C-alpha atoms as a PDB file:
ATOM      1  CA  UNK A   1      -0.025   0.024   0.063  1.00  0.00           C
ATOM      2  CA  UNK A   2       1.392   3.275  -0.978  1.00  0.00           C
ATOM      3  CA  UNK A   3       1.425   6.545   1.125  1.00  0.00           C
ATOM      4  CA  UNK A   4      -1.238   7.911  -1.177  1.00  0.00           C
ATOM      5  CA  UNK A   5      -3.631   4.924  -0.742  1.00  0.00           C
ATOM      6  CA  UNK A   6      -3.365   5.064   2.795  1.00  0.00           C
ATOM      7  CA  UNK A   7      -4.221   8.480   3.251  1.00  0.00           C
ATOM      8  CA  UNK A   8      -1.076   9.883   4.667  1.00  0.00           C
ATOM      9  CA  UNK A   9       0.588  13.305   3.325  1.00  0.00           C
ATOM     10  CA  UNK A  10       4.328  12.725   2.842  1.00  0.00           C
ATOM     11  CA  UNK A  11       6.573  14.492   5.416  1.00  0.00           C
ATOM     12  CA  UNK A  12       8.421  17.555   4.323  1.00  0.00           C
ATOM     13  CA  UNK A  13      12.051  17.578   4.652  1.00  0.00           C
ATOM     14  CA  UNK A  14      12.373  19.632   7.896  1.00  0.00           C
ATOM     15  CA  UNK A  15      10.870  22.898   6.266  1.00  0.00           C
ATOM     16  CA  UNK A  16       7.422  24.108   7.310  1.00  0.00           C
ATOM     17  CA  UNK A  17       4.893  25.861   5.227  1.00  0.00           C
ATOM     18  CA  UNK A  18       6.125  29.415   4.904  1.00  0.00           C
ATOM     19  CA  UNK A  19       2.647  30.545   5.837  1.00  0.00           C
ATOM     20  CA  UNK A  20       1.798  27.964   8.416  1.00  0.00           C
ATOM     21  CA  UNK A  21       3.305  29.465  11.495  1.00  0.00           C
ATOM     22  CA  UNK A  22       2.753  33.346  10.736  1.00  0.00           C
ATOM     23  CA  UNK A  23       0.537  34.973  13.324  1.00  0.00           C
ATOM     24  CA  UNK A  24      -2.884  36.435  12.169  1.00  0.00           C
ATOM     25  CA  UNK A  25      -3.012  39.798  11.556  1.00  0.00           C
ATOM     26  CA  UNK A  26       0.392  40.813  11.059  1.00  0.00           C
ATOM     27  CA  UNK A  27      -0.196  42.135   7.422  1.00  0.00           C
ATOM     28  CA  UNK A  28       2.731  40.270   5.883  1.00  0.00           C
ATOM     29  CA  UNK A  29       1.995  38.720   2.546  1.00  0.00           C
ATOM     30  CA  UNK A  30       3.900  36.678   0.135  1.00  0.00           C
ATOM     31  CA  UNK A  31       3.136  35.210  -3.128  1.00  0.00           C
ATOM     32  CA  UNK A  32       0.946  32.479  -1.739  1.00  0.00           C
ATOM     33  CA  UNK A  33      -1.097  35.036  -0.022  1.00  0.00           C
ATOM     34  CA  UNK A  34      -1.840  36.908  -3.164  1.00  0.00           C
ATOM     35  CA  UNK A  35      -2.407  34.072  -5.405  1.00  0.00           C
ATOM     36  CA  UNK A  36      -5.972  33.714  -6.384  1.00  0.00           C
ATOM     37  CA  UNK A  37      -7.104  37.425  -5.482  1.00  0.00           C
ATOM     38  CA  UNK A  38      -8.997  39.339  -7.651  1.00  0.00           C
ATOM     39  CA  UNK A  39      -7.652  42.795  -8.884  1.00  0.00           C
ATOM     40  CA  UNK A  40     -10.200  44.516  -6.282  1.00  0.00           C
ATOM     41  CA  UNK A  41      -8.741  42.374  -3.504  1.00  0.00           C
ATOM     42  CA  UNK A  42      -5.197  43.091  -4.395  1.00  0.00           C
ATOM     43  CA  UNK A  43      -5.931  46.988  -4.222  1.00  0.00           C
ATOM     44  CA  UNK A  44      -7.429  46.515  -0.691  1.00  0.00           C
ATOM     45  CA  UNK A  45      -4.208  44.662   0.135  1.00  0.00           C
ATOM     46  CA  UNK A  46      -2.098  47.354  -1.121  1.00  0.00           C
ATOM     47  CA  UNK A  47      -4.384  50.029   0.689  1.00  0.00           C
ATOM     48  CA  UNK A  48      -4.181  48.185   3.993  1.00  0.00           C
ATOM     49  CA  UNK A  49      -0.452  48.029   3.834  1.00  0.00           C
ATOM     50  CA  UNK A  50      -0.154  51.965   2.780  1.00  0.00           C
ATOM     51  CA  UNK A  51      -2.302  52.551   5.989  1.00  0.00           C
ATOM     52  CA  UNK A  52      -0.182  50.579   8.006  1.00  0.00           C
ATOM     53  CA  UNK A  53       2.975  52.005   6.903  1.00  0.00           C
ATOM     54  CA  UNK A  54       1.703  55.383   7.407  1.00  0.00           C
ATOM     55  CA  UNK A  55       0.454  54.786  11.157  1.00  0.00           C
ATOM     56  CA  UNK A  56       4.015  53.233  11.916  1.00  0.00           C
ATOM     57  CA  UNK A  57       5.837  56.314  10.694  1.00  0.00           C
ATOM     58  CA  UNK A  58       3.374  58.689  12.569  1.00  0.00           C
ATOM     59  CA  UNK A  59       4.308  56.380  15.708  1.00  0.00           C
ATOM     60  CA  UNK A  60       8.055  56.655  15.223  1.00  0.00           C
ATOM     61  CA  UNK A  61       7.740  60.558  14.539  1.00  0.00           C
ATOM     62  CA  UNK A  62       5.783  60.873  17.950  1.00  0.00           C
ATOM     63  CA  UNK A  63       8.130  58.632  19.611  1.00  0.00           C
ATOM     64  CA  UNK A  64      11.114  60.648  18.077  1.00  0.00           C
ATOM     65  CA  UNK A  65       9.666  63.968  19.088  1.00  0.00           C
ATOM     66  CA  UNK A  66       8.941  62.877  22.681  1.00  0.00           C
ATOM     67  CA  UNK A  67      12.345  61.576  22.840  1.00  0.00           C
ATOM     68  CA  UNK A  68      13.896  64.919  21.800  1.00  0.00           C
ATOM     69  CA  UNK A  69      11.431  66.877  24.001  1.00  0.00           C
ATOM     70  CA  UNK A  70      12.623  64.615  27.057  1.00  0.00           C
ATOM     71  CA  UNK A  71      16.276  65.331  26.234  1.00  0.00           C
ATOM     72  CA  UNK A  72      15.840  68.944  26.286  1.00  0.00           C
ATOM     73  CA  UNK A  73      13.898  68.945  29.562  1.00  0.00           C
ATOM     74  CA  UNK A  74      16.498  66.983  30.858  1.00  0.00           C
ATOM     75  CA  UNK A  75      19.230  69.286  29.935  1.00  0.00           C
ATOM     76  CA  UNK A  76      17.250  72.402  31.175  1.00  0.00           C
ATOM     77  CA  UNK A  77      16.719  70.713  34.593  1.00  0.00           C
ATOM     78  CA  UNK A  78      20.282  70.006  34.812  1.00  0.00           C
ATOM     79  CA  UNK A  79      21.368  73.477  33.767  1.00  0.00           C
ATOM     80  CA  UNK A  80      19.130  75.009  36.588  1.00  0.00           C
ATOM     81  CA  UNK A  81      20.162  72.878  39.026  1.00  0.00           C
ATOM     82  CA  UNK A  82      23.832  73.826  37.949  1.00  0.00           C
ATOM     83  CA  UNK A  83      22.747  77.558  38.179  1.00  0.00           C
ATOM     84  CA  UNK A  84      20.947  77.265  41.494  1.00  0.00           C
ATOM     85  CA  UNK A  85      23.851  75.865  43.385  1.00  0.00           C
ATOM     86  CA  UNK A  86      26.196  78.149  41.532  1.00  0.00           C
ATOM     87  CA  UNK A  87      23.930  81.252  42.829  1.00  0.00           C
ATOM     88  CA  UNK A  88      24.161  79.641  46.414  1.00  0.00           C
ATOM     89  CA  UNK A  89      27.740  79.269  46.591  1.00  0.00           C
ATOM     90  CA  UNK A  90      28.259  82.769  45.262  1.00  0.00           C
ATOM     91  CA  UNK A  91      25.828  84.153  47.747  1.00  0.00           C
ATOM     92  CA  UNK A  92      27.639  82.691  50.526  1.00  0.00           C
ATOM     93  CA  UNK A  93      30.725  84.127  49.275  1.00  0.00           C
ATOM     94  CA  UNK A  94      29.247  87.533  49.497  1.00  0.00           C
ATOM     95  CA  UNK A  95      28.404  87.081  52.921  1.00  0.00           C
ATOM     96  CA  UNK A  96      32.232  86.591  53.437  1.00  0.00           C
ATOM     97  CA  UNK A  97      32.981  89.467  51.480  1.00  0.00           C
ATOM     98  CA  UNK A  98      30.521  91.842  53.264  1.00  0.00           C
ATOM     99  CA  UNK A  99      32.524  90.883  56.406  1.00  0.00           C
ATOM    100  CA  UNK A 100      35.882  91.686  55.103  1.00  0.00           C
ATOM    101  CA  UNK A 101      34.647  94.967  53.865  1.00  0.00           C
ATOM    102  CA  UNK A 102      33.424  95.867  57.330  1.00  0.00           C
ATOM    103  CA  UNK A 103      36.792  94.719  58.886  1.00  0.00           C
ATOM    104  CA  UNK A 104      38.589  96.941  56.029  1.00  0.00           C
ATOM    105  CA  UNK A 105      36.322  99.702  57.160  1.00  0.00           C
ATOM    106  CA  UNK A 106      36.949  99.106  60.932  1.00  0.00           C
ATOM    107  CA  UNK A 107      40.770  98.784  60.414  1.00  0.00           C
ATOM    108  CA  UNK A 108      41.265 102.114  58.175  1.00  0.00           C
ATOM    109  CA  UNK A 109      39.733 104.085  61.206  1.00  0.00           C
ATOM    110  CA  UNK A 110      43.023 102.889  63.036  1.00  0.00           C
ATOM    111  CA  UNK A 111      46.857 103.246  62.595  1.00  0.00           C
ATOM    112  CA  UNK A 112      49.552 101.621  64.405  1.00  0.00           C
ATOM    113  CA  UNK A 113      50.523  97.955  64.449  1.00  0.00           C
ATOM    114  CA  UNK A 114      47.213  97.001  62.750  1.00  0.00           C
ATOM    115  CA  UNK A 115      48.122  98.794  59.523  1.00  0.00           C
ATOM    116  CA  UNK A 116      49.988  95.730  58.049  1.00  0.00           C
ATOM    117  CA  UNK A 117      46.916  93.476  59.061  1.00  0.00           C
ATOM    118  CA  UNK A 118      44.870  96.202  57.113  1.00  0.00           C
ATOM    119  CA  UNK A 119      47.002  96.040  54.299  1.00  0.00           C
ATOM    120  CA  UNK A 120      46.773  92.317  53.893  1.00  0.00           C
ATOM    121  CA  UNK A 121      43.053  92.337  54.345  1.00  0.00           C
ATOM    122  CA  UNK A 122      42.842  94.677  51.399  1.00  0.00           C
ATOM    123  CA  UNK A 123      45.083  92.432  49.102  1.00  0.00           C
ATOM    124  CA  UNK A 124      42.774  89.791  49.949  1.00  0.00           C
ATOM    125  CA  UNK A 125      39.664  91.984  49.108  1.00  0.00           C
ATOM    126  CA  UNK A 126      41.239  92.583  45.711  1.00  0.00           C
ATOM    127  CA  UNK A 127      41.697  89.058  45.254  1.00  0.00           C
ATOM    128  CA  UNK A 128      38.473  87.954  45.726  1.00  0.00           C
ATOM    129  CA  UNK A 129      36.909  90.792  43.893  1.00  0.00           C
ATOM    130  CA  UNK A 130      38.909  89.721  41.019  1.00  0.00           C
ATOM    131  CA  UNK A 131      37.953  85.720  41.126  1.00  0.00           C
ATOM    132  CA  UNK A 132      34.143  86.895  41.482  1.00  0.00           C
ATOM    133  CA  UNK A 133      34.666  88.997  38.322  1.00  0.00           C
ATOM    134  CA  UNK A 134      36.154  86.279  36.524  1.00  0.00           C
ATOM    135  CA  UNK A 135      32.906  84.488  36.957  1.00  0.00           C
ATOM    136  CA  UNK A 136      30.667  87.371  35.769  1.00  0.00           C
ATOM    137  CA  UNK A 137      30.012  88.735  39.098  1.00  0.00           C
ATOM    138  CA  UNK A 138      30.124  92.664  39.544  1.00  0.00           C
ATOM    139  CA  UNK A 139      29.092  95.177  42.008  1.00  0.00           C
ATOM    140  CA  UNK A 140      25.779  97.468  41.192  1.00  0.00           C
ATOM    141  CA  UNK A 141      26.238 101.179  40.999  1.00  0.00           C
ATOM    142  CA  UNK A 142      24.254 102.897  43.500  1.00  0.00           C
ATOM    143  CA  UNK A 143      25.061 106.463  45.088  1.00  0.00           C
ATOM    144  CA  UNK A 144      24.263 109.164  42.327  1.00  0.00           C
ATOM    145  CA  UNK A 145      22.358 106.714  40.271  1.00  0.00           C
ATOM    146  CA  UNK A 146      18.583 106.611  39.586  1.00  0.00           C
ATOM    147  CA  UNK A 147      16.742 104.348  41.754  1.00  0.00           C
ATOM    148  CA  UNK A 148      15.783 101.016  39.891  1.00  0.00           C
ATOM    149  CA  UNK A 149      13.494  98.496  41.535  1.00  0.00           C
ATOM    150  CA  UNK A 150      15.076  95.503  39.569  1.00  0.00           C
ATOM    151  CA  UNK A 151      18.500  96.550  41.064  1.00  0.00           C
ATOM    152  CA  UNK A 152      17.842  98.337  44.218  1.00  0.00           C
ATOM    153  CA  UNK A 153      16.005  97.742  47.471  1.00  0.00           C
ATOM    154  CA  UNK A 154      15.036 100.964  49.476  1.00  0.00           C
ATOM    155  CA  UNK A 155      15.891 100.533  53.031  1.00  0.00           C
ATOM    156  CA  UNK A 156      15.276 104.217  53.991  1.00  0.00           C
ATOM    157  CA  UNK A 157      14.201 107.455  52.210  1.00  0.00           C
ATOM    158  CA  UNK A 158      14.931 110.991  52.843  1.00  0.00           C
ATOM    159  CA  UNK A 159      13.150 114.007  51.986  1.00  0.00           C
ATOM    160  CA  UNK A 160      14.433 116.116  48.915  1.00  0.00           C
ATOM    161  CA  UNK A 161      15.159 119.274  50.844  1.00  0.00           C
ATOM    162  CA  UNK A 162      17.321 117.194  53.260  1.00  0.00           C
ATOM    163  CA  UNK A 163      19.277 115.291  50.457  1.00  0.00           C
ATOM    164  CA  UNK A 164      20.173 117.948  48.020  1.00  0.00           C
ATOM    165  CA  UNK A 165      19.257 115.667  45.110  1.00  0.00           C
ATOM    166  CA  UNK A 166      16.516 114.817  42.727  1.00  0.00           C
ATOM    167  CA  UNK A 167      13.852 112.655  43.821  1.00  0.00           C
ATOM    168  CA  UNK A 168      14.296 109.166  42.984  1.00  0.00           C
ATOM    169  CA  UNK A 169      18.229 109.406  43.605  1.00  0.00           C
ATOM    170  CA  UNK A 170      20.363 107.095  45.626  1.00  0.00           C
ATOM    171  CA  UNK A 171      22.338 108.966  48.236  1.00  0.00           C
ATOM    172  CA  UNK A 172      23.397 106.198  50.297  1.00  0.00           C
ATOM    173  CA  UNK A 173      24.296 102.532  50.289  1.00  0.00           C
ATOM    174  CA  UNK A 174      23.410  99.975  53.273  1.00  0.00           C
ATOM    175  CA  UNK A 175      24.446  96.981  51.553  1.00  0.00           C
ATOM    176  CA  UNK A 176      26.273  96.357  48.025  1.00  0.00           C
ATOM    177  CA  UNK A 177      24.386  94.635  45.419  1.00  0.00           C
ATOM    178  CA  UNK A 178      26.010  92.265  42.924  1.00  0.00           C
ATOM    179  CA  UNK A 179      25.018  91.311  39.456  1.00  0.00           C
ATOM    180  CA  UNK A 180      25.633  87.735  37.916  1.00  0.00           C
ATOM    181  CA  UNK A 181      26.187  88.271  34.379  1.00  0.00           C
ATOM    182  CA  UNK A 182      23.158  90.228  33.526  1.00  0.00           C
ATOM    183  CA  UNK A 183      20.929  88.499  36.455  1.00  0.00           C
ATOM    184  CA  UNK A 184      20.803  90.084  39.905  1.00  0.00           C
ATOM    185  CA  UNK A 185      22.503  88.110  42.410  1.00  0.00           C
ATOM    186  CA  UNK A 186      21.678  90.387  45.383  1.00  0.00           C
ATOM    187  CA  UNK A 187      19.776  93.544  45.281  1.00  0.00           C
ATOM    188  CA  UNK A 188      21.757  96.630  46.624  1.00  0.00           C
ATOM    189  CA  UNK A 189      20.065  97.823  49.874  1.00  0.00           C
ATOM    190  CA  UNK A 190      19.975 101.793  49.381  1.00  0.00           C
ATOM    191  CA  UNK A 191      18.921 105.048  50.786  1.00  0.00           C
ATOM    192  CA  UNK A 192      16.841 106.862  48.033  1.00  0.00           C
ATOM    193  CA  UNK A 193      15.238 110.609  47.889  1.00  0.00           C
ATOM    194  CA  UNK A 194      11.619 110.447  48.216  1.00  0.00           C
ATOM    195  CA  UNK A 195       9.004 112.256  46.650  1.00  0.00           C
ATOM    196  CA  UNK A 196       8.679 116.236  47.886  1.00  0.00           C
ATOM    197  CA  UNK A 197       5.473 117.476  49.649  1.00  0.00           C
ATOM    198  CA  UNK A 198       3.405 120.553  48.406  1.00  0.00           C
ATOM    199  CA  UNK A 199       1.431 122.488  50.977  1.00  0.00           C
ATOM    200  CA  UNK A 200      -1.977 123.181  49.479  1.00  0.00           C
ATOM    201  CA  UNK A 201      -4.098 126.217  50.676  1.00  0.00           C
ATOM    202  CA  UNK A 202      -7.590 126.034  49.792  1.00  0.00           C
ATOM    203  CA  UNK A 203      -9.470 129.174  49.559  1.00  0.00           C
END
């Protein structure tokens, strides 16, 4: 009895049917899938393949845009953290500089053995200012300048008749302010000339 007579199909030589194990709905087509299709069915298959390709392309573009946005956001947050830490460290340095300037003001009022110490402090003061300037820190101009709320903080006001200056002019500095490049690192605390008063007589 032959294999054909027994109803048994011959075994393949280890090679499975190309379409046998393909998951349903994958959209992958080969010549066997297209064999026997009408022209209308072929056009439908082509349309489906184009729609799948367009959807996949849109998904790729969205994923690429999301990745780029994430990279930009991460870089921005990293830079903000660096800038915040930098400003904190520079603010601490300004506190040390304030104390050094107070010591210089006090020491300059006394002569004698302390002069050598004052000279050393003055040299240190110049070095600190030079180092701060190298990283973009510079003092804010105050006395004689017009008051600018972006740069100055008024801690006291004097009337114009007592100051001998126009209204809005800075006539004193209580605490020096500093800029970090073009941003305010610390506003200057100043004394400013206030608005004049005018007596009005009602008739």
